[in-house]
Protein backbone atom coordinates (compact mmCIF):
# COMPACT_ATOMS: atom_id res chain seq x y z
CA MET A 1 -44.57 52.72 22.52
CA SER A 2 -43.33 52.92 18.93
CA ALA A 3 -42.45 49.80 16.97
CA VAL A 4 -38.82 48.80 16.64
CA PRO A 5 -37.46 49.31 13.09
CA ALA A 6 -37.06 45.99 11.31
CA GLU A 7 -33.44 46.69 10.43
CA THR A 8 -32.47 46.76 14.13
CA LEU A 9 -33.98 43.37 15.02
CA PRO A 10 -31.01 41.20 13.91
CA PHE A 11 -28.89 42.78 16.66
CA ARG A 12 -31.05 40.95 19.23
CA ARG A 13 -29.21 37.74 18.24
CA PHE A 14 -26.15 38.60 20.37
CA GLY A 15 -25.45 36.58 23.48
CA ASP A 16 -26.33 37.72 26.98
CA ASP A 17 -22.65 38.03 27.84
CA GLN A 18 -22.25 40.69 25.11
CA ILE A 19 -24.84 43.18 26.48
CA ILE A 20 -22.28 45.35 28.29
CA THR A 21 -19.71 45.13 25.46
CA LEU A 22 -22.21 46.33 22.86
CA ALA A 23 -23.79 48.88 25.21
CA LYS A 24 -20.39 50.56 25.56
CA LEU A 25 -20.40 51.07 21.78
CA VAL A 26 -23.92 52.42 21.22
CA ILE A 27 -25.48 53.68 24.45
CA GLU A 28 -25.43 57.46 24.97
CA ASN A 29 -26.67 59.80 27.67
CA ALA A 30 -29.10 62.57 26.76
CA PHE A 31 -29.79 65.42 29.18
CA GLN A 32 -33.23 67.00 29.48
CA PRO A 33 -33.50 70.27 31.45
CA ILE A 34 -35.66 70.55 34.58
CA VAL A 35 -36.48 74.22 35.14
CA GLU A 36 -37.98 76.46 37.82
CA THR A 37 -41.55 77.41 37.00
CA THR A 38 -41.20 80.98 38.27
CA ASN A 39 -38.38 82.14 35.98
CA GLY A 40 -37.39 79.43 33.50
CA ALA A 41 -33.95 79.01 35.09
CA VAL A 42 -32.45 75.54 34.84
CA PHE A 43 -32.42 73.68 38.15
CA GLY A 44 -30.99 70.44 36.84
CA TYR A 45 -31.06 67.72 34.18
CA GLU A 46 -32.45 64.23 33.94
CA SER A 47 -30.11 61.75 32.28
CA LEU A 48 -31.97 59.62 29.73
CA MET A 49 -30.69 56.58 27.85
CA ARG A 50 -30.32 56.77 24.08
CA GLY A 51 -29.12 54.15 21.56
CA PHE A 52 -31.09 51.22 23.04
CA ASP A 53 -32.98 50.88 19.73
CA ARG A 54 -29.68 50.12 17.96
CA LEU A 55 -29.47 47.01 20.12
CA GLY A 56 -32.96 46.00 19.04
CA TYR A 57 -34.92 47.12 22.13
CA ALA A 58 -38.07 49.18 22.04
CA SER A 59 -37.35 51.09 25.25
CA PRO A 60 -34.68 51.54 27.95
CA LEU A 61 -36.83 49.47 30.30
CA GLU A 62 -36.75 46.52 27.94
CA LEU A 63 -32.95 46.67 27.81
CA LEU A 64 -32.72 46.93 31.62
CA ASP A 65 -35.04 43.95 32.00
CA LYS A 66 -32.84 41.90 29.70
CA ALA A 67 -29.72 42.96 31.59
CA GLU A 68 -31.33 41.97 34.89
CA GLU A 69 -32.30 38.60 33.44
CA ALA A 70 -28.70 38.09 32.29
CA GLY A 71 -27.24 39.11 35.67
CA GLN A 72 -25.67 42.25 34.20
CA LEU A 73 -27.96 44.96 35.53
CA LEU A 74 -25.45 46.34 38.03
CA ALA A 75 -22.75 46.58 35.35
CA LEU A 76 -25.14 48.27 32.90
CA GLU A 77 -26.37 50.77 35.51
CA HIS A 78 -22.79 51.55 36.49
CA LEU A 79 -21.88 52.14 32.83
CA ILE A 80 -24.84 54.47 32.21
CA ASN A 81 -24.53 56.43 35.46
CA SER A 82 -20.75 56.81 35.35
CA ARG A 83 -20.99 58.26 31.84
CA ALA A 84 -23.81 60.61 32.94
CA ILE A 85 -21.77 61.83 35.91
CA ALA A 86 -18.68 62.35 33.74
CA ALA A 87 -20.74 64.37 31.23
CA PHE A 88 -22.38 66.35 34.05
CA ALA A 89 -18.94 67.26 35.45
CA THR A 90 -18.01 68.92 32.11
CA LEU A 91 -20.84 71.45 32.36
CA PRO A 92 -19.60 74.90 33.39
CA ASP A 93 -22.31 75.35 36.03
CA PHE A 94 -22.56 71.76 37.37
CA SER A 95 -21.87 72.79 40.97
CA THR A 96 -25.14 74.75 41.07
CA ARG A 97 -27.23 72.14 39.24
CA THR A 98 -28.73 68.74 40.08
CA LEU A 99 -28.34 65.62 38.00
CA PHE A 100 -31.36 63.29 38.15
CA LEU A 101 -30.52 59.62 37.67
CA ASN A 102 -32.92 56.66 37.56
CA PHE A 103 -32.28 54.08 40.25
CA ASP A 104 -33.41 50.51 39.65
CA ALA A 105 -34.79 48.98 42.87
CA ARG A 106 -33.70 45.54 41.68
CA LEU A 107 -30.13 46.53 42.60
CA VAL A 108 -31.05 46.62 46.28
CA GLY A 109 -29.38 43.79 48.18
CA GLY A 110 -27.13 42.88 45.26
CA GLU A 111 -23.43 42.38 45.42
CA GLY A 112 -21.24 45.32 46.42
CA ASP A 113 -22.02 48.52 48.27
CA VAL A 114 -23.78 50.65 45.67
CA VAL A 115 -23.75 53.78 47.83
CA GLU A 116 -20.06 53.54 48.71
CA ARG A 117 -19.19 53.07 45.04
CA LEU A 118 -21.22 56.17 44.13
CA VAL A 119 -19.63 58.31 46.84
CA ASN A 120 -16.13 57.34 45.76
CA HIS A 121 -16.96 58.01 42.13
CA LEU A 122 -18.25 61.49 42.98
CA LYS A 123 -15.17 62.29 45.02
CA ARG A 124 -13.00 61.55 41.99
CA ALA A 125 -15.19 63.81 39.86
CA ASN A 126 -15.26 66.54 42.57
CA ILE A 127 -19.09 66.51 42.69
CA ALA A 128 -21.03 66.95 45.93
CA PRO A 129 -23.54 64.13 46.67
CA SER A 130 -26.32 66.77 46.91
CA SER A 131 -25.78 67.46 43.20
CA LEU A 132 -27.24 63.99 42.46
CA CYS A 133 -30.86 63.01 42.81
CA PHE A 134 -31.86 59.36 42.41
CA GLU A 135 -35.33 58.75 40.99
CA LEU A 136 -37.08 55.83 42.68
CA SER A 137 -39.54 54.44 40.17
CA GLU A 138 -43.04 53.18 40.99
CA ARG A 139 -42.61 50.61 38.23
CA PHE A 140 -41.60 48.00 40.83
CA ASP A 141 -43.25 47.30 44.16
CA ASN A 142 -40.49 48.63 46.41
CA GLY A 143 -42.49 47.59 49.44
CA LYS A 144 -41.56 43.97 48.68
CA VAL A 145 -37.81 44.74 48.67
CA PRO A 146 -36.60 43.95 52.22
CA ASP A 147 -33.61 46.32 52.23
CA PHE A 148 -35.31 49.21 50.36
CA SER A 149 -35.92 51.48 53.38
CA ALA A 150 -32.37 50.90 54.61
CA LEU A 151 -30.99 51.86 51.18
CA VAL A 152 -33.10 55.03 51.06
CA ARG A 153 -31.82 56.03 54.48
CA GLN A 154 -28.25 55.25 53.46
CA LEU A 155 -28.54 57.36 50.30
CA ARG A 156 -30.02 60.28 52.17
CA LEU A 157 -27.48 60.17 54.99
CA ALA A 158 -24.73 60.18 52.36
CA GLY A 159 -26.13 63.52 51.12
CA PHE A 160 -27.88 62.34 47.94
CA LYS A 161 -31.30 63.70 47.03
CA LEU A 162 -34.23 61.41 46.29
CA ALA A 163 -37.29 61.66 44.04
CA ILE A 164 -40.34 59.49 43.49
CA ASP A 165 -40.60 59.01 39.74
CA ASP A 166 -43.88 58.52 37.83
CA PHE A 167 -45.85 59.52 40.94
CA GLY A 168 -49.41 58.26 40.79
CA ALA A 169 -48.88 55.74 37.98
CA GLY A 170 -47.29 52.81 39.73
CA PHE A 171 -47.40 50.54 42.74
CA ASN A 172 -46.92 52.54 45.91
CA GLY A 173 -45.96 56.20 45.33
CA LEU A 174 -48.25 57.49 48.07
CA ARG A 175 -46.92 54.94 50.55
CA MET A 176 -43.35 55.83 49.61
CA LEU A 177 -44.11 59.55 50.09
CA CYS A 178 -45.52 58.74 53.52
CA ASP A 179 -42.70 56.44 54.65
CA GLN A 180 -39.59 57.88 52.99
CA PRO A 181 -38.10 61.38 53.40
CA VAL A 182 -37.84 62.21 49.67
CA ASP A 183 -36.93 65.61 48.25
CA TYR A 184 -39.10 65.58 45.11
CA VAL A 185 -42.12 63.91 43.62
CA LYS A 186 -42.32 63.77 39.83
CA ILE A 187 -45.94 63.82 38.76
CA ASP A 188 -46.52 61.31 35.99
CA ARG A 189 -47.29 62.61 32.51
CA HIS A 190 -50.75 61.01 32.62
CA PHE A 191 -51.90 63.68 35.08
CA ILE A 192 -50.32 66.53 33.10
CA ALA A 193 -51.55 65.73 29.56
CA GLY A 194 -54.54 67.93 28.79
CA ILE A 195 -54.74 69.22 32.36
CA ASP A 196 -55.99 72.60 31.08
CA SER A 197 -59.25 70.97 29.96
CA ASN A 198 -59.65 68.39 32.74
CA SER A 199 -60.86 69.64 36.11
CA ARG A 200 -60.31 66.26 37.77
CA LYS A 201 -56.62 66.34 36.88
CA ARG A 202 -56.30 69.90 38.16
CA HIS A 203 -58.00 68.94 41.40
CA LEU A 204 -55.63 65.99 41.90
CA LEU A 205 -52.53 68.00 41.05
CA ARG A 206 -53.53 70.86 43.37
CA HIS A 207 -53.91 68.49 46.30
CA ALA A 208 -50.77 66.53 45.43
CA VAL A 209 -48.78 69.76 45.47
CA ASN A 210 -50.20 70.82 48.84
CA MET A 211 -49.63 67.35 50.30
CA ALA A 212 -46.01 67.30 49.12
CA HIS A 213 -45.25 70.80 50.42
CA VAL A 214 -46.66 69.91 53.84
CA LEU A 215 -44.11 67.09 53.96
CA GLY A 216 -41.23 69.35 52.89
CA THR A 217 -41.14 67.86 49.38
CA ARG A 218 -40.98 69.78 46.10
CA VAL A 219 -43.05 68.91 43.02
CA ILE A 220 -41.85 68.33 39.45
CA ALA A 221 -44.37 68.11 36.61
CA GLU A 222 -43.15 65.63 33.98
CA GLY A 223 -43.99 65.59 30.31
CA VAL A 224 -45.12 69.22 29.96
CA GLU A 225 -45.63 69.58 26.22
CA THR A 226 -47.75 72.72 25.69
CA GLU A 227 -47.80 76.27 26.99
CA VAL A 228 -51.20 75.88 28.64
CA GLU A 229 -50.01 72.75 30.48
CA PHE A 230 -47.02 74.70 31.71
CA LEU A 231 -49.17 77.64 32.88
CA VAL A 232 -51.56 75.36 34.78
CA CYS A 233 -48.70 73.48 36.46
CA ARG A 234 -47.01 76.75 37.42
CA ASP A 235 -50.17 78.33 38.78
CA LEU A 236 -51.15 75.20 40.74
CA GLY A 237 -47.88 75.41 42.64
CA CYS A 238 -45.52 72.99 40.88
CA ASP A 239 -41.96 74.01 41.73
CA LEU A 240 -40.28 72.55 38.64
CA VAL A 241 -41.28 71.36 35.18
CA GLN A 242 -39.77 69.07 32.57
CA GLY A 243 -40.91 68.21 29.06
CA TYR A 244 -40.85 69.05 25.37
CA PHE A 245 -42.31 72.52 25.94
CA VAL A 246 -39.17 73.34 27.91
CA ALA A 247 -36.65 71.49 25.76
CA HIS A 248 -36.15 68.08 24.17
CA PRO A 249 -33.48 65.73 25.54
CA THR A 250 -30.16 66.19 23.80
CA THR A 251 -26.87 64.34 23.60
CA HIS A 252 -25.18 67.58 22.49
CA LEU A 253 -24.48 69.29 25.80
CA ASN A 254 -23.53 72.56 24.10
CA GLU A 255 -27.24 72.97 23.26
CA LEU A 256 -28.18 73.27 26.94
CA ARG A 257 -28.96 76.76 28.21
CA PRO A 258 -28.97 78.22 31.74
CA VAL A 259 -32.38 79.90 31.25
CA TYR A 260 -35.25 79.16 28.86
CA ALA A 261 -36.55 82.63 28.09
CA HIS A 262 -39.94 81.51 26.73
CA LEU A 263 -40.84 80.40 30.28
CA GLU A 264 -40.03 83.72 31.93
CA SER A 265 -42.99 85.81 33.09
CA ASP A 266 -43.91 88.79 35.20
CA ARG A 267 -45.36 86.46 37.86
CA ALA A 268 -42.69 87.37 40.40
CA ARG A 269 -43.27 91.07 39.81
CA ARG A 270 -47.04 90.68 40.18
CA HIS A 271 -46.70 88.71 43.40
CA SER A 272 -44.24 91.17 44.92
CA SER A 273 -46.97 93.80 45.09
CA THR A 274 -49.65 91.64 46.70
CA LEU A 275 -50.59 92.22 50.33
CA ASP A 276 -49.64 88.63 51.25
CA SER A 277 -46.17 88.95 49.77
CA ILE A 278 -45.52 92.27 51.48
CA LEU A 279 -46.57 90.92 54.88
CA ILE A 280 -44.66 87.64 54.50
CA ARG A 281 -41.42 89.28 53.45
CA LYS A 282 -41.68 91.63 56.42
CA GLU A 283 -41.92 88.72 58.86
CA VAL A 284 -39.26 86.39 57.40
CA GLU A 285 -36.69 85.34 59.98
CA GLN A 286 -33.36 84.63 58.31
CA LEU A 287 -32.08 82.18 60.86
CA PRO A 288 -28.49 81.09 60.38
CA ALA A 289 -28.38 77.61 58.87
CA VAL A 290 -25.88 74.77 58.91
CA ARG A 291 -24.87 72.58 56.02
CA GLU A 292 -25.44 68.85 56.26
CA SER A 293 -21.87 68.34 55.04
CA ASP A 294 -20.45 70.42 57.93
CA ASP A 295 -18.74 68.90 60.93
CA LEU A 296 -20.91 68.36 64.00
CA ASP A 297 -18.75 70.85 65.85
CA SER A 298 -20.38 73.57 63.77
CA VAL A 299 -23.76 72.57 65.27
CA PHE A 300 -22.40 72.79 68.80
CA ASP A 301 -20.91 76.21 68.04
CA HIS A 302 -24.17 77.32 66.42
CA PHE A 303 -26.30 76.61 69.48
CA ARG A 304 -23.64 78.03 71.79
CA LEU A 305 -23.63 81.32 69.85
CA ASN A 306 -27.46 81.35 69.53
CA PRO A 307 -28.69 80.16 72.95
CA ARG A 308 -32.29 81.37 72.32
CA GLN A 309 -32.62 79.51 69.04
CA PRO A 310 -33.96 75.99 69.75
CA PHE A 311 -33.47 74.74 66.20
CA CYS A 312 -31.67 75.62 63.01
CA PRO A 313 -32.37 74.96 59.32
CA VAL A 314 -30.18 72.41 57.60
CA LEU A 315 -29.19 72.95 53.95
CA ASN A 316 -27.45 70.76 51.42
CA ALA A 317 -24.38 71.84 49.48
CA ASN A 318 -26.61 73.55 46.88
CA GLY A 319 -28.37 75.75 49.45
CA GLU A 320 -31.65 73.81 49.39
CA PRO A 321 -33.38 73.09 52.72
CA ARG A 322 -33.27 69.50 53.96
CA GLY A 323 -35.17 70.11 57.20
CA ILE A 324 -34.39 71.37 60.67
CA LEU A 325 -32.12 70.19 63.48
CA HIS A 326 -33.35 70.59 67.08
CA GLU A 327 -30.98 71.37 69.88
CA TYR A 328 -32.47 68.57 71.98
CA HIS A 329 -31.45 66.05 69.30
CA VAL A 330 -27.80 66.65 70.08
CA LYS A 331 -28.15 68.09 73.59
CA GLU A 332 -27.71 64.75 75.32
CA MET A 333 -24.53 64.12 73.39
CA ILE A 334 -23.23 67.61 74.10
CA TYR A 335 -23.60 67.30 77.86
CA HIS A 336 -22.54 63.65 78.08
CA PRO A 337 -18.94 63.43 79.37
CA PHE A 338 -17.87 61.44 76.31
CA GLY A 339 -20.54 62.74 73.93
CA ARG A 340 -18.32 64.76 71.63
CA ASP A 341 -15.75 62.01 71.40
CA LEU A 342 -18.46 59.48 70.60
CA LEU A 343 -19.89 61.65 67.83
CA LYS A 344 -16.44 61.99 66.28
CA ASN A 345 -15.78 58.26 66.47
CA ARG A 346 -15.46 56.77 62.95
CA VAL A 347 -17.25 53.62 64.04
CA TYR A 348 -20.25 55.53 65.40
CA GLN A 349 -20.29 57.69 62.23
CA ARG A 350 -22.85 60.28 63.27
CA ARG A 351 -23.17 63.28 60.99
CA ILE A 352 -25.52 66.25 60.80
CA SER A 353 -27.73 64.39 58.35
CA HIS A 354 -28.53 61.81 61.05
CA PHE A 355 -30.34 64.43 63.15
CA VAL A 356 -32.38 66.24 60.46
CA THR A 357 -36.19 66.38 60.87
CA PRO A 358 -38.37 67.17 57.81
CA ALA A 359 -40.23 70.51 57.89
CA PRO A 360 -42.90 72.00 55.61
CA ILE A 361 -41.54 74.11 52.77
CA ALA A 362 -43.16 76.98 50.89
CA ASP A 363 -42.08 79.53 48.30
CA LEU A 364 -41.88 83.15 49.46
CA ASP A 365 -44.72 84.02 47.08
CA THR A 366 -47.12 81.40 48.43
CA PRO A 367 -50.37 83.08 49.62
CA ALA A 368 -50.61 83.40 53.39
CA ASP A 369 -53.77 81.29 53.60
CA GLU A 370 -52.11 78.45 51.69
CA MET A 371 -49.02 78.75 53.88
CA LEU A 372 -51.21 78.41 56.97
CA LYS A 373 -52.72 75.20 55.51
CA ILE A 374 -49.22 73.85 54.84
CA PHE A 375 -48.13 74.66 58.39
CA ALA A 376 -51.26 73.25 59.99
CA GLY A 377 -50.94 70.06 57.92
CA MET A 378 -47.70 69.06 59.67
CA ASP A 379 -48.42 68.51 63.36
CA GLY A 380 -45.67 69.61 65.70
CA SER A 381 -43.81 71.72 63.14
CA ASP A 382 -41.74 74.56 64.55
CA CYS A 383 -41.73 76.59 61.38
CA VAL A 384 -42.28 76.78 57.66
CA ILE A 385 -39.03 76.91 55.72
CA LEU A 386 -39.24 79.54 52.98
CA THR A 387 -37.42 79.36 49.67
CA GLU A 388 -36.84 81.73 46.78
CA ASN A 389 -35.80 80.19 43.48
CA MET A 390 -35.65 76.84 45.32
CA ARG A 391 -32.94 78.10 47.74
CA TYR A 392 -33.26 78.82 51.44
CA ALA A 393 -34.66 82.28 52.17
CA GLY A 394 -35.60 82.10 55.87
CA ILE A 395 -38.31 80.71 58.10
CA LEU A 396 -41.73 81.66 59.40
CA SER A 397 -42.60 80.64 62.96
CA ALA A 398 -46.14 79.91 64.08
CA ALA A 399 -46.28 83.29 65.83
CA SER A 400 -45.12 85.11 62.70
CA LEU A 401 -47.64 83.29 60.51
CA LEU A 402 -50.51 84.12 62.86
CA LYS A 403 -49.35 87.75 62.91
CA ILE A 404 -49.41 87.84 59.11
CA ILE A 405 -52.95 86.43 58.98
CA ASN A 406 -54.10 88.91 61.64
CA GLU A 407 -52.47 91.88 59.86
CA LYS A 408 -53.99 90.79 56.58
CA GLN A 409 -57.48 90.61 58.06
CA LEU A 410 -56.97 93.98 59.77
CA LYS A 411 -55.68 95.57 56.55
CA MET A 412 -58.61 94.20 54.57
CA ALA A 413 -61.01 95.54 57.24
CA GLN A 414 -59.38 98.96 56.97
CA GLU A 415 -59.76 98.89 53.18
CA GLN A 416 -63.45 98.05 53.33
CA ASN A 417 -65.74 100.79 52.12
CA PRO A 418 -66.98 102.62 55.27
CA LEU A 419 -70.45 103.13 53.80
CA THR A 420 -71.17 99.58 52.63
CA GLY A 421 -68.67 97.49 54.60
CA LEU A 422 -67.69 95.70 51.36
CA PRO A 423 -64.09 94.93 50.33
CA GLY A 424 -62.30 97.55 48.26
CA ASN A 425 -60.14 97.60 45.16
CA ARG A 426 -57.14 95.63 46.47
CA ALA A 427 -59.36 92.72 47.52
CA ILE A 428 -61.20 92.88 44.19
CA ARG A 429 -57.89 92.74 42.26
CA ASP A 430 -56.69 89.80 44.36
CA TYR A 431 -59.98 87.96 43.80
CA VAL A 432 -59.86 88.46 40.01
CA GLN A 433 -56.20 87.41 39.83
CA GLN A 434 -56.92 84.20 41.73
CA ALA A 435 -60.15 83.42 39.86
CA ILE A 436 -58.64 83.72 36.37
CA LEU A 437 -56.10 81.04 37.31
CA ASP A 438 -58.74 78.58 38.57
CA GLY A 439 -60.34 76.88 35.57
CA ASP A 440 -62.19 74.21 37.55
CA GLN A 441 -65.53 75.91 36.88
CA THR A 442 -67.10 78.80 34.99
CA ARG A 443 -66.46 82.19 36.58
CA TYR A 444 -68.56 85.34 36.18
CA PHE A 445 -67.15 88.85 36.70
CA CYS A 446 -70.00 91.34 37.08
CA TYR A 447 -69.41 95.11 36.95
CA CYS A 448 -72.34 97.10 38.36
CA ASP A 449 -72.82 100.82 37.67
CA PHE A 450 -75.81 103.07 38.44
CA ASP A 451 -77.39 104.88 35.48
CA ASP A 452 -78.44 108.52 35.98
CA PHE A 453 -77.04 108.66 39.52
CA LYS A 454 -75.53 112.15 39.16
CA PRO A 455 -78.82 114.07 38.63
CA PHE A 456 -80.33 112.20 41.59
CA ASN A 457 -77.36 113.13 43.76
CA ASP A 458 -77.44 116.75 42.54
CA THR A 459 -81.17 117.04 43.28
CA TYR A 460 -81.49 115.23 46.60
CA GLY A 461 -78.00 115.65 48.03
CA PHE A 462 -75.21 113.30 49.08
CA GLN A 463 -77.09 111.82 52.04
CA LYS A 464 -79.79 110.40 49.79
CA GLY A 465 -77.11 109.37 47.32
CA ASP A 466 -75.46 107.41 50.14
CA LEU A 467 -78.86 105.83 50.91
CA ALA A 468 -79.08 104.57 47.31
CA ILE A 469 -75.56 103.11 47.54
CA ALA A 470 -76.30 101.46 50.90
CA LEU A 471 -79.57 100.12 49.48
CA PHE A 472 -77.76 98.41 46.60
CA ALA A 473 -75.15 96.91 48.96
CA ALA A 474 -77.96 95.47 51.10
CA LEU A 475 -79.61 93.97 48.02
CA LEU A 476 -76.30 92.40 47.00
CA ARG A 477 -76.00 90.65 50.34
CA ARG A 478 -79.60 89.45 50.12
CA HIS A 479 -79.30 88.00 46.60
CA PHE A 480 -75.78 86.51 46.85
CA ILE A 481 -75.29 84.11 49.74
CA GLY A 482 -72.69 81.33 50.00
CA GLU A 483 -69.01 80.67 49.51
CA GLU A 484 -69.03 80.78 45.71
CA LYS A 485 -69.45 84.53 45.50
CA PHE A 486 -67.44 87.70 46.15
CA LEU A 487 -68.94 91.16 46.67
CA GLY A 488 -66.86 94.29 46.35
CA HIS A 489 -67.32 98.05 46.31
CA ILE A 490 -65.11 99.73 43.72
CA GLY A 491 -66.17 103.19 44.90
CA GLY A 492 -69.10 105.59 44.51
CA ASP A 493 -71.90 103.87 42.60
CA ASP A 494 -69.61 101.16 41.13
CA PHE A 495 -69.76 97.62 42.51
CA PHE A 496 -68.23 94.24 41.63
CA ILE A 497 -69.69 90.74 41.91
CA GLY A 498 -67.67 87.58 41.43
CA VAL A 499 -69.61 84.32 41.02
CA SER A 500 -68.52 80.75 40.29
CA GLY A 501 -70.11 77.33 40.30
CA LEU A 502 -73.40 78.44 38.68
CA GLY A 503 -74.79 78.06 35.18
CA GLU A 504 -75.36 81.12 32.97
CA GLY A 505 -79.14 80.81 33.35
CA GLU A 506 -78.89 80.93 37.14
CA VAL A 507 -76.57 83.95 37.02
CA ARG A 508 -78.86 85.80 34.63
CA ALA A 509 -81.89 85.04 36.84
CA VAL A 510 -80.34 86.30 40.08
CA LEU A 511 -78.92 89.42 38.41
CA THR A 512 -82.28 90.19 36.81
CA ARG A 513 -83.97 89.94 40.23
CA LEU A 514 -81.29 92.22 41.68
CA LEU A 515 -81.87 94.85 38.99
CA ASP A 516 -85.66 94.67 39.32
CA ASP A 517 -85.55 94.98 43.11
CA PHE A 518 -83.16 97.91 42.98
CA ARG A 519 -85.23 99.74 40.39
CA SER A 520 -88.35 99.22 42.53
CA ASP A 521 -86.75 100.06 45.90
CA VAL A 522 -84.70 103.07 44.77
CA ARG A 523 -87.86 104.59 43.31
CA GLN A 524 -89.07 105.15 46.90
CA LEU A 525 -86.20 107.61 47.44
CA TYR A 526 -87.69 110.01 44.88
CA SER A 527 -90.42 112.53 45.66
CA PRO A 528 -94.04 111.57 44.75
CA GLU A 529 -93.92 114.13 41.90
CA HIS A 530 -90.82 112.57 40.40
CA GLN A 531 -92.19 109.10 40.87
CA MET A 532 -95.40 110.14 39.08
CA ALA A 533 -93.50 111.75 36.21
CA GLY A 534 -91.00 108.90 35.93
CA ARG A 535 -88.25 111.42 35.33
CA ILE A 536 -86.21 114.15 36.98
CA SER A 537 -84.85 117.42 35.67
CA GLY A 538 -81.17 118.11 35.91
CA TYR A 539 -78.07 119.15 34.03
CA SER A 540 -75.99 117.10 31.66
CA ARG A 541 -72.21 116.92 31.96
CA ASP A 542 -71.88 119.78 29.46
CA GLY A 543 -74.10 121.99 31.68
CA GLY A 544 -77.28 121.93 29.61
CA ALA A 545 -80.74 121.37 31.14
CA LYS A 546 -82.09 117.89 30.53
CA ASP A 547 -84.68 115.40 31.73
CA PHE A 548 -83.36 112.10 33.08
CA PRO A 549 -85.20 108.82 33.75
CA LEU A 550 -85.34 107.49 37.28
CA MET A 551 -82.21 105.74 38.43
CA ARG A 552 -81.49 102.10 37.66
CA CYS A 553 -78.39 99.86 37.63
CA SER A 554 -76.73 98.25 34.62
CA ILE A 555 -74.48 95.19 34.89
CA ALA A 556 -71.78 94.09 32.44
CA VAL A 557 -70.88 90.41 32.91
CA LEU A 558 -67.82 88.66 31.55
CA ALA A 559 -67.95 84.85 31.79
CA LEU A 560 -64.76 82.77 31.78
CA PRO A 561 -65.68 79.20 30.78
CA GLU A 562 -64.43 76.16 32.62
CA SER A 563 -60.85 75.24 31.65
CA LEU A 564 -59.99 78.73 30.38
CA ILE A 565 -57.05 80.02 32.38
CA LEU A 566 -55.58 83.53 32.06
CA SER A 567 -52.40 84.97 33.48
CA ASP A 568 -53.15 88.65 32.92
CA SER A 569 -56.12 90.29 34.67
CA GLN A 570 -55.85 93.28 32.31
CA ALA A 571 -57.59 91.22 29.63
CA VAL A 572 -60.60 90.92 31.95
CA SER A 573 -60.70 94.65 32.72
CA LYS A 574 -60.42 95.57 29.06
CA ARG A 575 -63.25 93.27 27.97
CA ILE A 576 -65.56 94.39 30.82
CA ALA A 577 -65.04 98.03 29.79
CA GLU A 578 -66.22 97.11 26.28
CA ILE A 579 -69.34 95.32 27.59
CA LYS A 580 -70.20 98.14 29.99
CA GLY A 581 -71.34 100.52 27.24
CA ARG A 582 -73.64 97.91 25.72
CA ALA A 583 -75.17 97.14 29.12
CA LYS A 584 -76.02 100.80 29.70
CA ALA A 585 -77.59 101.05 26.24
CA SER A 586 -79.63 97.85 26.63
CA GLU A 587 -83.27 97.86 27.69
CA SER A 588 -82.74 95.32 30.47
CA GLY A 589 -79.46 96.80 31.70
CA LEU A 590 -77.82 93.35 31.66
CA VAL A 591 -75.32 92.02 29.11
CA VAL A 592 -73.51 88.69 29.56
CA GLU A 593 -70.60 87.85 27.28
CA LEU A 594 -68.45 84.72 27.15
CA LEU A 595 -64.68 85.10 26.88
CA ASP A 596 -63.77 82.30 24.51
CA ASP A 597 -60.27 83.19 23.37
């Protein structure tokens, strides 16, 4: 926290009854964009207080504390929020954006109906409640506020969205996530700062993202200040990001842009060609959805027109999923003689939002295995709701998800090399793409290529050539056992090994044993005469007669150190191609190089 300039301190001499009067003169609202990680498009804005220092306060929290002490917190919050909403309504695209406002839990149980006042204010500004998201801070122990759960329910039923602010840095964020149906969690800056070089932070963020998605909650990374922080947050599954790397808060709304081009990437294009994405998009069921702002009659009509559909997705006014509505939730009311009349009764005040059940949510480009974990993590779920660019895109049922996993396994089995039974090029590409994004440990990409295989094949025929290839595959399986390895067959006499979780010395040792065993075992495939001579006669690629040494294997290894994260696998392929020549020319046949840039 920076020190307050000395020249502002005299303003602290004003009386408590003047806080609101002076705040009207100096307090401003700054908007900071919150953007989608996949394409840099603006999803919404957080309204931040500016001008508090001119009143002699070091932070907005200090001013709010003083207002609460003076009994003027409600008036100050109303002043700040009403100005933010008015400014938001002037934006040309406000109907497709979300305004994030901080909500002070100390207002709970105070005088006046806060929710009713907000709803009426929005009606005058022609803004849908789903365009507002209230951030519930962990700064105060909300568990000690008696009416807090009732207020959360009231806000949600009114159509507002809710977020847990500063998640992980306060009193009870995890408990709030468990007990309250919130739409977003905002990961505190503490867990984002330097995440590219801190495996513990990456581990925590990865699991926080998965936990939130299982509960149907989206994740916002706060305080993203560098490109590498952004890339890590994006690749670990954060849905939205906010911070100086995106844009600084501004009081000049004409500076806001709909898309921040420096965040755009080819990630969507890369994912669209993966096997998972192809299978998932083929199985998406685009069930008709209802809006939570619709009349309940629309639900009755929906189930009448779709008698085989036991549930339907529920969306807010912005097209974001809020959960699902089961037919049995309203069935009793439908068939009750006075059910429809009761539901329409103003006193009873039942709306669609009263019947919504949370459901797990996943982006269309989420890998199938991760989607299965999300689905399995929510017992009793009927489906996973799929989104694209944060908007509803369809659902995956349990049967569809199992079909995708089965088809994926079948496809991978079909693509295995028939001679060695090892995964082929698609699986190798997918492994490399996933590994370069996981900087929790050092990763080793090993490219194996036989030396002088062609003269052996020409002399002894393809059957013996296949024996040499099968021999190497068997040695691979013998030397590399465990979950932290991947074995692939590129084709012919080219193989790939992926290893993680080991030190360089261990990797060198096991690869050296592999090369020694192959050189010794493959020697037995030669005739006694060739073994005795240590060479074989053949023809070079230009057709000239030449003597060749007995076959061996060379391995080019590229090591990605812990914390190094790449987005483009082409950089790996290019560097391995450079190392390959040196490995073939080396006496040992093994060259290990560290990628340090």
